[in-house]
């Protein structure tokens, strides 16, 4: 999978929770927990806007990480397994689960600009 798979879609399209879950190697229940929605919300078409809003930061993080790492698979491995400096061994996955996506974006922006190498 390449980073092109993680572009935020146009308004009429929905993000694919299933594709993100597959890339991260988690089931839909784990993904729902990560993004703060219920498993039934992921499955319901009526919840598409809510799911898109919750899933969008993860997709953006994976896209940014993919640009830096070279591809989506490497980005997913980094997201789940690589501790972020200054966060006591926590990974991007951990920080997203805690609602700290802004901290992950700040770190990735720092890497992009050469602060963290």
N, C-alpha and C. Protein backbone atom coordinates (compact mmCIF):
# COMPACT_ATOMS: atom_id res chain seq x y z
N UNK A 1 0.84 -1.17 0.00
CA UNK A 1 0.00 0.00 0.00
C UNK A 1 0.89 1.24 0.00
N UNK A 2 0.56 2.23 -0.79
CA UNK A 2 1.37 3.44 -0.79
C UNK A 2 0.63 4.58 -0.13
N UNK A 3 1.31 5.70 0.03
CA UNK A 3 0.71 6.82 0.75
C UNK A 3 -0.46 7.41 0.01
N UNK A 4 -0.57 7.20 -1.28
CA UNK A 4 -1.72 7.69 -2.03
C UNK A 4 -3.02 7.10 -1.54
N UNK A 5 -2.95 5.96 -0.86
CA UNK A 5 -4.16 5.34 -0.31
C UNK A 5 -4.71 6.12 0.87
N UNK A 6 -4.00 7.13 1.35
CA UNK A 6 -4.41 7.84 2.54
C UNK A 6 -4.76 9.28 2.30
N UNK A 7 -5.04 9.65 1.07
CA UNK A 7 -5.47 11.01 0.83
C UNK A 7 -6.87 11.18 1.39
N UNK A 8 -7.11 12.35 1.98
CA UNK A 8 -8.44 12.62 2.51
C UNK A 8 -9.37 12.80 1.33
N UNK A 9 -10.48 12.03 1.28
CA UNK A 9 -11.35 12.05 0.12
C UNK A 9 -12.19 13.31 0.01
N UNK A 10 -12.78 13.48 -1.18
CA UNK A 10 -13.71 14.59 -1.40
C UNK A 10 -14.92 14.41 -0.51
N UNK A 11 -15.71 15.45 -0.38
CA UNK A 11 -16.87 15.44 0.52
C UNK A 11 -17.81 14.27 0.30
N UNK A 12 -18.00 13.86 -0.94
CA UNK A 12 -18.98 12.82 -1.23
C UNK A 12 -18.47 11.42 -0.92
N UNK A 13 -17.20 11.28 -0.63
CA UNK A 13 -16.63 9.97 -0.35
C UNK A 13 -16.43 9.79 1.15
N UNK A 14 -16.35 8.54 1.57
CA UNK A 14 -16.06 8.24 2.97
C UNK A 14 -14.70 7.58 3.08
N UNK A 15 -14.06 7.79 4.19
CA UNK A 15 -12.80 7.11 4.46
C UNK A 15 -13.09 5.64 4.70
N UNK A 16 -12.19 4.80 4.35
CA UNK A 16 -12.39 3.37 4.52
C UNK A 16 -11.78 2.90 5.83
N UNK A 17 -12.65 2.69 6.81
CA UNK A 17 -12.19 2.19 8.10
C UNK A 17 -11.57 0.81 7.93
N UNK A 18 -12.16 0.01 7.08
CA UNK A 18 -11.64 -1.34 6.85
C UNK A 18 -10.22 -1.31 6.30
N UNK A 19 -9.96 -0.42 5.34
CA UNK A 19 -8.61 -0.33 4.76
C UNK A 19 -7.60 0.15 5.80
N UNK A 20 -7.99 1.12 6.62
CA UNK A 20 -7.09 1.61 7.66
C UNK A 20 -6.81 0.50 8.68
N UNK A 21 -7.86 -0.21 9.06
CA UNK A 21 -7.70 -1.32 10.02
C UNK A 21 -6.76 -2.38 9.46
N UNK A 22 -6.93 -2.72 8.19
CA UNK A 22 -6.05 -3.72 7.56
C UNK A 22 -4.61 -3.26 7.55
N UNK A 23 -4.38 -2.00 7.19
CA UNK A 23 -3.02 -1.48 7.14
C UNK A 23 -2.37 -1.52 8.53
N UNK A 24 -3.15 -1.16 9.55
CA UNK A 24 -2.61 -1.14 10.91
C UNK A 24 -2.55 -2.52 11.53
N UNK A 25 -3.18 -3.51 10.91
CA UNK A 25 -3.17 -4.86 11.46
C UNK A 25 -4.04 -4.98 12.70
N UNK A 26 -5.14 -4.23 12.74
CA UNK A 26 -6.07 -4.30 13.86
C UNK A 26 -7.45 -4.66 13.32
N UNK A 27 -8.31 -5.14 14.21
CA UNK A 27 -9.67 -5.40 13.77
C UNK A 27 -10.49 -4.11 13.91
N UNK A 28 -11.71 -4.14 13.41
CA UNK A 28 -12.54 -2.93 13.44
C UNK A 28 -12.90 -2.49 14.86
N UNK A 29 -13.00 -3.44 15.77
CA UNK A 29 -13.28 -3.08 17.16
C UNK A 29 -12.12 -2.29 17.75
N UNK A 30 -10.89 -2.73 17.48
CA UNK A 30 -9.71 -2.01 17.96
C UNK A 30 -9.61 -0.63 17.32
N UNK A 31 -9.91 -0.56 16.03
CA UNK A 31 -9.87 0.73 15.34
C UNK A 31 -10.92 1.67 15.92
N UNK A 32 -12.11 1.16 16.17
CA UNK A 32 -13.17 1.97 16.76
C UNK A 32 -12.72 2.53 18.11
N UNK A 33 -12.10 1.70 18.92
CA UNK A 33 -11.60 2.14 20.21
C UNK A 33 -10.52 3.20 20.05
N UNK A 34 -9.64 3.01 19.08
CA UNK A 34 -8.56 3.96 18.83
C UNK A 34 -9.10 5.34 18.48
N UNK A 35 -10.13 5.39 17.64
CA UNK A 35 -10.63 6.68 17.18
C UNK A 35 -11.80 7.21 18.01
N UNK A 36 -12.21 6.45 19.01
CA UNK A 36 -13.22 6.94 19.93
C UNK A 36 -14.66 6.85 19.47
N UNK A 37 -14.95 5.84 18.66
CA UNK A 37 -16.34 5.58 18.27
C UNK A 37 -16.67 4.13 18.61
N UNK A 38 -17.95 3.80 18.55
CA UNK A 38 -18.33 2.41 18.82
C UNK A 38 -18.16 1.58 17.55
N UNK A 39 -18.04 0.30 17.74
CA UNK A 39 -17.91 -0.63 16.60
C UNK A 39 -19.14 -0.53 15.71
N UNK A 40 -20.31 -0.38 16.31
CA UNK A 40 -21.54 -0.29 15.51
C UNK A 40 -21.57 1.00 14.69
N UNK A 41 -20.97 2.06 15.19
CA UNK A 41 -20.90 3.30 14.42
C UNK A 41 -20.03 3.11 13.19
N UNK A 42 -18.95 2.35 13.32
CA UNK A 42 -18.11 2.06 12.16
C UNK A 42 -18.88 1.33 11.07
N UNK A 43 -19.76 0.43 11.49
CA UNK A 43 -20.49 -0.40 10.54
C UNK A 43 -21.70 0.30 9.94
N UNK A 44 -22.23 1.31 10.61
CA UNK A 44 -23.47 1.95 10.16
C UNK A 44 -23.19 3.03 9.12
N UNK A 45 -23.95 3.01 8.04
CA UNK A 45 -23.83 4.06 7.03
C UNK A 45 -24.26 5.41 7.58
N UNK A 46 -25.20 5.41 8.51
CA UNK A 46 -25.70 6.66 9.08
C UNK A 46 -24.61 7.39 9.86
N UNK A 47 -23.61 6.67 10.32
CA UNK A 47 -22.53 7.28 11.10
C UNK A 47 -21.34 7.69 10.26
N UNK A 48 -21.48 7.73 8.95
CA UNK A 48 -20.35 7.98 8.07
C UNK A 48 -19.64 9.30 8.38
N UNK A 49 -20.37 10.36 8.62
CA UNK A 49 -19.72 11.65 8.92
C UNK A 49 -18.95 11.58 10.23
N UNK A 50 -19.55 10.95 11.22
CA UNK A 50 -18.88 10.83 12.52
C UNK A 50 -17.61 9.99 12.38
N UNK A 51 -17.70 8.90 11.63
CA UNK A 51 -16.54 8.04 11.43
C UNK A 51 -15.46 8.79 10.65
N UNK A 52 -15.86 9.48 9.59
CA UNK A 52 -14.88 10.25 8.81
C UNK A 52 -14.17 11.28 9.68
N UNK A 53 -14.92 11.97 10.51
CA UNK A 53 -14.32 12.98 11.38
C UNK A 53 -13.35 12.35 12.38
N UNK A 54 -13.70 11.20 12.89
CA UNK A 54 -12.84 10.52 13.87
C UNK A 54 -11.64 9.85 13.20
N UNK A 55 -11.83 9.35 11.99
CA UNK A 55 -10.79 8.61 11.29
C UNK A 55 -9.81 9.54 10.56
N UNK A 56 -10.27 10.70 10.20
CA UNK A 56 -9.46 11.63 9.42
C UNK A 56 -8.09 11.94 10.04
N UNK A 57 -7.98 12.23 11.34
CA UNK A 57 -6.65 12.49 11.89
C UNK A 57 -5.69 11.30 11.75
N UNK A 58 -6.20 10.09 11.91
CA UNK A 58 -5.35 8.90 11.77
C UNK A 58 -4.86 8.79 10.33
N UNK A 59 -5.75 9.02 9.38
CA UNK A 59 -5.38 8.96 7.97
C UNK A 59 -4.35 10.04 7.65
N UNK A 60 -4.55 11.23 8.17
CA UNK A 60 -3.59 12.31 7.94
C UNK A 60 -2.23 11.99 8.56
N UNK A 61 -2.24 11.42 9.76
CA UNK A 61 -0.97 11.03 10.40
C UNK A 61 -0.27 9.97 9.56
N UNK A 62 -1.01 8.96 9.11
CA UNK A 62 -0.41 7.90 8.30
C UNK A 62 0.11 8.46 6.97
N UNK A 63 -0.60 9.41 6.41
CA UNK A 63 -0.16 10.02 5.16
C UNK A 63 1.14 10.80 5.36
N UNK A 64 1.19 11.61 6.42
CA UNK A 64 2.42 12.37 6.71
C UNK A 64 3.58 11.43 7.00
N UNK A 65 3.33 10.41 7.81
CA UNK A 65 4.38 9.45 8.15
C UNK A 65 4.81 8.68 6.91
N UNK A 66 3.87 8.38 6.04
CA UNK A 66 4.20 7.68 4.80
C UNK A 66 5.10 8.50 3.91
N UNK A 67 4.86 9.81 3.86
CA UNK A 67 5.74 10.70 3.08
C UNK A 67 7.16 10.65 3.63
N UNK A 68 7.27 10.62 4.95
CA UNK A 68 8.59 10.62 5.58
C UNK A 68 9.26 9.26 5.53
N UNK A 69 8.46 8.20 5.67
CA UNK A 69 9.01 6.84 5.74
C UNK A 69 9.16 6.19 4.37
N UNK A 70 8.47 6.69 3.38
CA UNK A 70 8.59 6.12 2.04
C UNK A 70 7.38 5.34 1.57
N UNK A 71 6.59 4.80 2.49
CA UNK A 71 5.37 4.09 2.07
C UNK A 71 4.44 3.87 3.26
N UNK A 72 3.23 3.44 2.94
CA UNK A 72 2.20 3.25 3.96
C UNK A 72 2.51 2.16 4.95
N UNK A 73 3.13 1.08 4.50
CA UNK A 73 3.46 -0.02 5.42
C UNK A 73 4.44 0.43 6.49
N UNK A 74 5.46 1.15 6.07
CA UNK A 74 6.44 1.66 7.03
C UNK A 74 5.77 2.65 7.99
N UNK A 75 4.88 3.46 7.45
CA UNK A 75 4.15 4.42 8.28
C UNK A 75 3.33 3.70 9.34
N UNK A 76 2.67 2.62 8.95
CA UNK A 76 1.85 1.85 9.89
C UNK A 76 2.71 1.21 10.97
N UNK A 77 3.86 0.69 10.60
CA UNK A 77 4.77 0.10 11.58
C UNK A 77 5.24 1.18 12.55
N UNK A 78 5.62 2.33 12.02
CA UNK A 78 6.04 3.44 12.88
C UNK A 78 4.90 3.83 13.82
N UNK A 79 3.70 3.99 13.29
CA UNK A 79 2.54 4.42 14.05
C UNK A 79 2.28 3.52 15.25
N UNK A 80 2.41 2.22 15.05
CA UNK A 80 2.10 1.28 16.12
C UNK A 80 3.26 0.97 17.05
N UNK A 81 4.50 1.05 16.55
CA UNK A 81 5.60 0.47 17.31
C UNK A 81 6.74 1.41 17.70
N UNK A 82 6.88 2.54 17.04
CA UNK A 82 8.03 3.40 17.31
C UNK A 82 7.70 4.45 18.38
N UNK A 83 8.36 4.38 19.53
CA UNK A 83 8.11 5.40 20.56
C UNK A 83 8.50 6.79 20.05
N UNK A 84 7.70 7.78 20.43
CA UNK A 84 7.98 9.16 20.06
C UNK A 84 8.81 9.79 21.18
N UNK A 85 9.94 10.39 20.83
CA UNK A 85 10.81 10.98 21.85
C UNK A 85 10.04 11.98 22.71
N UNK A 86 10.29 11.92 24.02
CA UNK A 86 9.69 12.85 24.94
C UNK A 86 8.33 12.43 25.48
N UNK A 87 7.87 11.25 25.09
CA UNK A 87 6.55 10.80 25.52
C UNK A 87 6.62 9.48 26.27
N UNK A 88 7.67 9.27 27.02
CA UNK A 88 7.82 8.12 27.93
C UNK A 88 7.52 6.79 27.25
N UNK A 89 8.06 6.61 26.06
CA UNK A 89 7.90 5.33 25.37
C UNK A 89 6.58 5.16 24.64
N UNK A 90 5.76 6.20 24.60
CA UNK A 90 4.47 6.08 23.92
C UNK A 90 4.65 6.23 22.41
N UNK A 91 3.83 5.47 21.69
CA UNK A 91 3.83 5.51 20.24
C UNK A 91 2.75 6.48 19.76
N UNK A 92 2.73 6.73 18.46
CA UNK A 92 1.66 7.55 17.87
C UNK A 92 0.31 6.90 18.15
N UNK A 93 0.25 5.58 18.08
CA UNK A 93 -0.98 4.84 18.38
C UNK A 93 -1.46 5.17 19.79
N UNK A 94 -0.54 5.13 20.75
CA UNK A 94 -0.89 5.42 22.14
C UNK A 94 -1.41 6.85 22.30
N UNK A 95 -0.72 7.79 21.67
CA UNK A 95 -1.11 9.19 21.80
C UNK A 95 -2.46 9.46 21.14
N UNK A 96 -2.71 8.84 19.99
CA UNK A 96 -4.01 9.00 19.34
C UNK A 96 -5.10 8.44 20.23
N UNK A 97 -4.86 7.28 20.79
CA UNK A 97 -5.84 6.67 21.69
C UNK A 97 -6.15 7.59 22.88
N UNK A 98 -5.17 8.35 23.33
CA UNK A 98 -5.35 9.28 24.45
C UNK A 98 -5.92 10.63 24.01
N UNK A 99 -6.20 10.77 22.71
CA UNK A 99 -6.75 12.03 22.22
C UNK A 99 -5.71 13.11 21.99
N UNK A 100 -4.45 12.72 21.82
CA UNK A 100 -3.36 13.68 21.66
C UNK A 100 -2.81 13.67 20.23
N UNK A 101 -3.72 13.68 19.26
CA UNK A 101 -3.28 13.68 17.87
C UNK A 101 -2.46 14.92 17.54
N UNK A 102 -2.77 16.04 18.21
CA UNK A 102 -2.03 17.26 17.97
C UNK A 102 -0.54 17.10 18.30
N UNK A 103 -0.24 16.29 19.30
CA UNK A 103 1.15 16.04 19.67
C UNK A 103 1.87 15.22 18.59
N UNK A 104 1.14 14.29 17.98
CA UNK A 104 1.71 13.48 16.90
C UNK A 104 1.98 14.37 15.68
N UNK A 105 1.00 15.23 15.35
CA UNK A 105 1.20 16.15 14.23
C UNK A 105 2.39 17.07 14.48
N UNK A 106 2.51 17.58 15.70
CA UNK A 106 3.64 18.46 16.03
C UNK A 106 4.97 17.73 15.86
N UNK A 107 5.02 16.48 16.31
CA UNK A 107 6.24 15.69 16.15
C UNK A 107 6.57 15.49 14.67
N UNK A 108 5.56 15.10 13.88
CA UNK A 108 5.79 14.86 12.45
C UNK A 108 6.21 16.13 11.73
N UNK A 109 5.63 17.26 12.11
CA UNK A 109 6.04 18.55 11.52
C UNK A 109 7.48 18.84 11.88
N UNK A 110 7.87 18.52 13.12
CA UNK A 110 9.25 18.70 13.53
C UNK A 110 10.21 17.84 12.73
N UNK A 111 9.83 16.60 12.50
CA UNK A 111 10.65 15.70 11.68
C UNK A 111 10.76 16.25 10.26
N UNK A 112 9.62 16.66 9.73
CA UNK A 112 9.58 17.19 8.37
C UNK A 112 10.50 18.41 8.22
N UNK A 113 10.56 19.25 9.25
CA UNK A 113 11.37 20.46 9.17
C UNK A 113 12.81 20.24 9.65
N UNK A 114 13.14 19.03 10.09
CA UNK A 114 14.52 18.71 10.45
C UNK A 114 14.85 18.86 11.92
N UNK A 115 13.87 19.15 12.75
CA UNK A 115 14.14 19.31 14.18
C UNK A 115 14.53 17.98 14.81
N UNK A 116 13.75 16.93 14.50
CA UNK A 116 14.04 15.58 14.99
C UNK A 116 14.58 14.78 13.84
N UNK A 117 15.76 14.23 14.02
CA UNK A 117 16.33 13.45 12.92
C UNK A 117 16.72 12.08 13.40
